[in-house]
């Protein structure tokens, strides 16, 4: 799957570096977490859906690493970098073995179907 991304040659040279570096630290933090942990939930405080995803994982006895970035009123610009990086428009962002599997309802479907258990048994799937 590919999605359109503005080619660098269509970004003026004077701003290319700024575009490339914008909030790169938050992306690097998430990349490090998904390399180090089998299941990662990215969320924000005040949003009930990351909590729902974490509760689903807890109920299934699945260990997970959690990262939260701000709230509805803070860090929204930084979170936008994650949305642009993943292409996923909402929080939570749930990763399994480095693969974005979606949000809380997507996680619920994976749990109900048994696919999440299969994914967790196949660490090379990512």
Protein backbone atom coordinates (compact mmCIF):
# COMPACT_ATOMS: atom_id res chain seq x y z
CA UNK A 1 0.00 0.00 0.00
CA UNK A 2 1.30 3.39 -0.83
CA UNK A 3 -0.27 6.71 -0.11
CA UNK A 4 0.60 9.96 -1.76
CA UNK A 5 3.32 11.99 -0.11
CA UNK A 6 4.51 15.25 -1.57
CA UNK A 7 7.81 14.51 -3.35
CA UNK A 8 10.79 16.38 -1.92
CA UNK A 9 11.44 18.03 -5.29
CA UNK A 10 8.07 19.75 -4.87
CA UNK A 11 9.20 21.27 -1.57
CA UNK A 12 11.28 24.41 -1.91
CA UNK A 13 14.93 23.76 -1.00
CA UNK A 14 14.84 26.50 1.63
CA UNK A 15 12.29 24.55 3.74
CA UNK A 16 13.11 20.89 2.95
CA UNK A 17 15.29 20.42 6.03
CA UNK A 18 12.66 21.99 8.27
CA UNK A 19 10.00 19.66 6.87
CA UNK A 20 12.27 16.64 7.31
CA UNK A 21 13.12 17.47 10.94
CA UNK A 22 9.76 18.70 12.20
CA UNK A 23 9.02 16.78 15.40
CA UNK A 24 11.41 14.01 14.35
CA UNK A 25 12.06 13.35 18.05
CA UNK A 26 8.52 12.08 18.68
CA UNK A 27 8.75 9.73 15.69
CA UNK A 28 12.14 8.47 16.86
CA UNK A 29 10.70 7.84 20.35
CA UNK A 30 7.86 5.78 18.89
CA UNK A 31 10.20 3.91 16.54
CA UNK A 32 12.43 2.98 19.48
CA UNK A 33 9.43 1.77 21.47
CA UNK A 34 8.05 -0.41 18.67
CA UNK A 35 11.50 -1.94 18.14
CA UNK A 36 11.86 -2.70 21.86
CA UNK A 37 8.35 -3.95 22.71
CA UNK A 38 6.04 -6.46 21.01
CA UNK A 39 2.90 -4.38 21.67
CA UNK A 40 2.85 -0.59 21.89
CA UNK A 41 -0.15 1.68 22.43
CA UNK A 42 0.28 5.35 21.52
CA UNK A 43 -2.30 7.64 23.05
CA UNK A 44 -3.09 10.91 24.72
CA UNK A 45 -4.62 11.79 28.05
CA UNK A 46 -8.31 12.58 28.12
CA UNK A 47 -9.07 10.32 25.16
CA UNK A 48 -11.08 7.24 26.22
CA UNK A 49 -10.03 5.07 23.29
CA UNK A 50 -6.39 4.53 24.29
CA UNK A 51 -7.71 3.49 27.71
CA UNK A 52 -10.10 1.07 25.99
CA UNK A 53 -7.23 -0.47 24.00
CA UNK A 54 -5.13 -0.86 27.14
CA UNK A 55 -8.01 -2.44 29.04
CA UNK A 56 -8.57 -4.92 26.20
CA UNK A 57 -4.91 -5.91 26.28
CA UNK A 58 -4.91 -6.14 30.08
CA UNK A 59 -8.02 -8.35 30.04
CA UNK A 60 -6.34 -10.64 27.52
CA UNK A 61 -3.18 -10.78 29.65
CA UNK A 62 -1.08 -9.18 26.93
CA UNK A 63 1.80 -7.00 28.10
CA UNK A 64 2.05 -3.65 26.36
CA UNK A 65 4.19 -0.53 26.40
CA UNK A 66 2.28 2.75 26.56
CA UNK A 67 3.25 6.18 25.33
CA UNK A 68 1.04 9.23 25.80
CA UNK A 69 1.61 12.56 24.13
CA UNK A 70 -0.31 15.46 25.62
CA UNK A 71 -4.05 15.93 25.76
CA UNK A 72 -6.72 17.50 23.62
CA UNK A 73 -5.32 20.91 24.57
CA UNK A 74 -1.59 20.19 24.46
CA UNK A 75 1.00 18.70 22.13
CA UNK A 76 -1.44 18.41 19.22
CA UNK A 77 1.17 19.72 16.79
CA UNK A 78 3.62 17.05 17.91
CA UNK A 79 0.95 14.35 17.59
CA UNK A 80 0.30 15.53 14.03
CA UNK A 81 3.80 14.31 13.14
CA UNK A 82 2.75 10.81 14.20
CA UNK A 83 -0.43 11.03 12.16
CA UNK A 84 1.51 12.10 9.09
CA UNK A 85 4.17 9.42 9.65
CA UNK A 86 1.67 6.56 10.04
CA UNK A 87 -1.22 7.85 7.96
CA UNK A 88 -3.49 6.86 10.87
CA UNK A 89 -5.86 9.73 11.74
CA UNK A 90 -6.77 8.95 15.36
CA UNK A 91 -5.51 7.72 18.72
CA UNK A 92 -4.72 5.20 19.87
CA UNK A 93 -2.22 3.85 17.43
CA UNK A 94 -1.61 0.21 18.29
CA UNK A 95 1.52 -1.53 17.03
CA UNK A 96 2.17 -5.27 17.16
CA UNK A 97 5.71 -6.36 16.32
CA UNK A 98 6.25 -2.99 14.67
CA UNK A 99 3.14 -3.21 12.51
CA UNK A 100 0.36 -0.63 12.89
CA UNK A 101 -2.84 -2.60 13.47
CA UNK A 102 -5.16 0.38 13.94
CA UNK A 103 -7.02 1.70 16.94
CA UNK A 104 -9.10 0.31 19.80
CA UNK A 105 -11.93 -1.12 17.68
CA UNK A 106 -9.42 -2.71 15.28
CA UNK A 107 -7.61 -4.23 18.24
CA UNK A 108 -10.92 -5.54 19.59
CA UNK A 109 -11.61 -7.27 16.26
CA UNK A 110 -8.12 -8.80 16.19
CA UNK A 111 -8.60 -10.12 19.71
CA UNK A 112 -12.06 -11.54 18.98
CA UNK A 113 -10.93 -13.27 15.79
CA UNK A 114 -7.82 -14.77 17.37
CA UNK A 115 -5.58 -13.02 14.86
CA UNK A 116 -3.78 -11.02 17.55
CA UNK A 117 -2.74 -14.23 19.31
CA UNK A 118 -1.35 -15.52 16.00
CA UNK A 119 0.52 -12.28 15.41
CA UNK A 120 2.08 -12.45 18.85
CA UNK A 121 3.27 -16.00 18.19
CA UNK A 122 4.92 -14.91 14.92
CA UNK A 123 7.47 -12.24 15.81
CA UNK A 124 8.93 -12.26 12.28
CA UNK A 125 5.65 -11.09 10.81
CA UNK A 126 6.58 -7.40 11.14
